[in-house]
């Protein structure tokens, strides 16, 4: 998902939108998208996630590459059909601010 697509969804206050920061708690604590919740990738257990399989989930990592792509793929493979990763990640988000 592109930065502009996510921003449109956030402005529209899209119901069921979940922005999941999959970085470590330390990375998240330094800087994160204000609406993002932190679930580190290694804790991304699809059995106990605090959201529904029908939610629109956007995974975020630092650069929008492997970690968030892998997290979105894991969710997709486990029935979370609306799972994406944020292209550009945190670096892209704050570069546009």
C-alpha atoms as a PDB file:
ATOM      1  CA  UNK A   1       0.000   0.000   0.000  1.00  0.00           C
ATOM      2  CA  UNK A   2       1.358   3.414  -0.881  1.00  0.00           C
ATOM      3  CA  UNK A   3       1.775   6.263   1.590  1.00  0.00           C
ATOM      4  CA  UNK A   4      -0.891   8.294  -0.198  1.00  0.00           C
ATOM      5  CA  UNK A   5      -3.379   5.397  -0.070  1.00  0.00           C
ATOM      6  CA  UNK A   6      -2.862   5.002   3.682  1.00  0.00           C
ATOM      7  CA  UNK A   7      -3.254   8.735   4.261  1.00  0.00           C
ATOM      8  CA  UNK A   8      -6.569   8.729   2.371  1.00  0.00           C
ATOM      9  CA  UNK A   9      -7.813   5.852   4.544  1.00  0.00           C
ATOM     10  CA  UNK A  10      -6.701   7.633   7.718  1.00  0.00           C
ATOM     11  CA  UNK A  11      -8.422  10.896   6.748  1.00  0.00           C
ATOM     12  CA  UNK A  12     -11.584   8.951   5.892  1.00  0.00           C
ATOM     13  CA  UNK A  13     -11.345   7.232   9.303  1.00  0.00           C
ATOM     14  CA  UNK A  14     -11.811   3.874   7.565  1.00  0.00           C
ATOM     15  CA  UNK A  15     -13.577   1.416   9.862  1.00  0.00           C
ATOM     16  CA  UNK A  16     -11.539  -1.689  10.583  1.00  0.00           C
ATOM     17  CA  UNK A  17      -8.231  -0.089   9.566  1.00  0.00           C
ATOM     18  CA  UNK A  18      -5.338  -1.364  11.691  1.00  0.00           C
ATOM     19  CA  UNK A  19      -1.824   0.015  11.259  1.00  0.00           C
ATOM     20  CA  UNK A  20       0.553  -2.512  12.823  1.00  0.00           C
ATOM     21  CA  UNK A  21       4.148  -1.478  13.481  1.00  0.00           C
ATOM     22  CA  UNK A  22       6.041  -4.781  13.405  1.00  0.00           C
ATOM     23  CA  UNK A  23       9.370  -3.322  14.550  1.00  0.00           C
ATOM     24  CA  UNK A  24      10.834  -3.943  17.999  1.00  0.00           C
ATOM     25  CA  UNK A  25       9.433  -2.126  21.019  1.00  0.00           C
ATOM     26  CA  UNK A  26      12.650  -0.061  21.147  1.00  0.00           C
ATOM     27  CA  UNK A  27      12.294   1.039  17.504  1.00  0.00           C
ATOM     28  CA  UNK A  28       8.611   1.810  18.029  1.00  0.00           C
ATOM     29  CA  UNK A  29       9.375   3.801  21.179  1.00  0.00           C
ATOM     30  CA  UNK A  30      11.756   6.102  19.317  1.00  0.00           C
ATOM     31  CA  UNK A  31       9.363   7.065  16.526  1.00  0.00           C
ATOM     32  CA  UNK A  32       6.130   5.693  15.080  1.00  0.00           C
ATOM     33  CA  UNK A  33       3.042   6.638  13.128  1.00  0.00           C
ATOM     34  CA  UNK A  34       0.653   8.044  15.760  1.00  0.00           C
ATOM     35  CA  UNK A  35      -2.192   5.615  14.977  1.00  0.00           C
ATOM     36  CA  UNK A  36       0.057   2.548  14.775  1.00  0.00           C
ATOM     37  CA  UNK A  37      -0.018  -0.185  17.366  1.00  0.00           C
ATOM     38  CA  UNK A  38       3.144  -2.145  18.087  1.00  0.00           C
ATOM     39  CA  UNK A  39       3.156  -5.895  17.576  1.00  0.00           C
ATOM     40  CA  UNK A  40       6.778  -6.945  16.933  1.00  0.00           C
ATOM     41  CA  UNK A  41       7.146  -9.381  14.030  1.00  0.00           C
ATOM     42  CA  UNK A  42       8.353 -12.187  16.287  1.00  0.00           C
ATOM     43  CA  UNK A  43       5.130 -11.879  18.316  1.00  0.00           C
ATOM     44  CA  UNK A  44       2.859 -11.846  15.293  1.00  0.00           C
ATOM     45  CA  UNK A  45       1.027 -15.006  16.281  1.00  0.00           C
ATOM     46  CA  UNK A  46      -2.138 -15.258  14.225  1.00  0.00           C
ATOM     47  CA  UNK A  47      -3.878 -17.232  16.975  1.00  0.00           C
ATOM     48  CA  UNK A  48      -3.952 -14.349  19.442  1.00  0.00           C
ATOM     49  CA  UNK A  49      -4.091 -11.172  17.388  1.00  0.00           C
ATOM     50  CA  UNK A  50      -6.290  -8.358  18.705  1.00  0.00           C
ATOM     51  CA  UNK A  51      -8.109  -7.791  15.425  1.00  0.00           C
ATOM     52  CA  UNK A  52     -10.488  -9.492  13.044  1.00  0.00           C
ATOM     53  CA  UNK A  53      -9.708 -11.336   9.810  1.00  0.00           C
ATOM     54  CA  UNK A  54     -11.978  -8.830   8.061  1.00  0.00           C
ATOM     55  CA  UNK A  55      -9.957  -5.790   9.223  1.00  0.00           C
ATOM     56  CA  UNK A  56      -7.799  -3.849   6.772  1.00  0.00           C
ATOM     57  CA  UNK A  57      -4.280  -4.394   8.125  1.00  0.00           C
ATOM     58  CA  UNK A  58      -1.248  -2.360   7.083  1.00  0.00           C
ATOM     59  CA  UNK A  59       2.088  -3.660   8.376  1.00  0.00           C
ATOM     60  CA  UNK A  60       4.851  -1.110   8.878  1.00  0.00           C
ATOM     61  CA  UNK A  61       8.593  -1.543   9.328  1.00  0.00           C
ATOM     62  CA  UNK A  62      11.486   0.886   8.994  1.00  0.00           C
ATOM     63  CA  UNK A  63      11.959   0.891   5.211  1.00  0.00           C
ATOM     64  CA  UNK A  64       8.898  -0.960   3.901  1.00  0.00           C
ATOM     65  CA  UNK A  65      10.828  -3.950   2.665  1.00  0.00           C
ATOM     66  CA  UNK A  66      11.339  -7.479   3.928  1.00  0.00           C
ATOM     67  CA  UNK A  67      10.014  -7.308   7.496  1.00  0.00           C
ATOM     68  CA  UNK A  68       6.660  -5.722   6.700  1.00  0.00           C
ATOM     69  CA  UNK A  69       6.281  -7.702   3.465  1.00  0.00           C
ATOM     70  CA  UNK A  70       6.913 -10.940   5.365  1.00  0.00           C
ATOM     71  CA  UNK A  71       4.444  -9.940   8.088  1.00  0.00           C
ATOM     72  CA  UNK A  72       1.718  -9.114   5.554  1.00  0.00           C
ATOM     73  CA  UNK A  73       2.364 -12.415   3.745  1.00  0.00           C
ATOM     74  CA  UNK A  74       2.130 -14.331   7.038  1.00  0.00           C
ATOM     75  CA  UNK A  75      -1.213 -12.701   7.771  1.00  0.00           C
ATOM     76  CA  UNK A  76      -2.488 -13.348   4.240  1.00  0.00           C
ATOM     77  CA  UNK A  77      -1.494 -17.005   4.481  1.00  0.00           C
ATOM     78  CA  UNK A  78      -3.468 -17.268   7.713  1.00  0.00           C
ATOM     79  CA  UNK A  79      -6.740 -15.896   6.408  1.00  0.00           C
ATOM     80  CA  UNK A  80      -6.306 -12.156   6.944  1.00  0.00           C
ATOM     81  CA  UNK A  81      -7.290 -11.345   3.361  1.00  0.00           C
ATOM     82  CA  UNK A  82      -6.896  -7.556   3.623  1.00  0.00           C
ATOM     83  CA  UNK A  83      -3.251  -7.463   4.721  1.00  0.00           C
ATOM     84  CA  UNK A  84      -0.752  -5.095   3.144  1.00  0.00           C
ATOM     85  CA  UNK A  85       2.613  -3.532   3.877  1.00  0.00           C
ATOM     86  CA  UNK A  86       3.406   0.168   3.762  1.00  0.00           C
ATOM     87  CA  UNK A  87       5.710   0.995   0.860  1.00  0.00           C
ATOM     88  CA  UNK A  88       8.565   3.161   2.136  1.00  0.00           C
ATOM     89  CA  UNK A  89       7.826   2.272   5.759  1.00  0.00           C
ATOM     90  CA  UNK A  90       8.566   4.676   8.575  1.00  0.00           C
ATOM     91  CA  UNK A  91      11.286   6.438   6.591  1.00  0.00           C
ATOM     92  CA  UNK A  92       8.844   7.226   3.797  1.00  0.00           C
ATOM     93  CA  UNK A  93       6.084   8.292   6.205  1.00  0.00           C
ATOM     94  CA  UNK A  94       8.224  10.833   8.045  1.00  0.00           C
ATOM     95  CA  UNK A  95      10.000  12.026   4.888  1.00  0.00           C
ATOM     96  CA  UNK A  96       6.610  13.291   3.641  1.00  0.00           C
ATOM     97  CA  UNK A  97       5.651  15.029   6.878  1.00  0.00           C
END
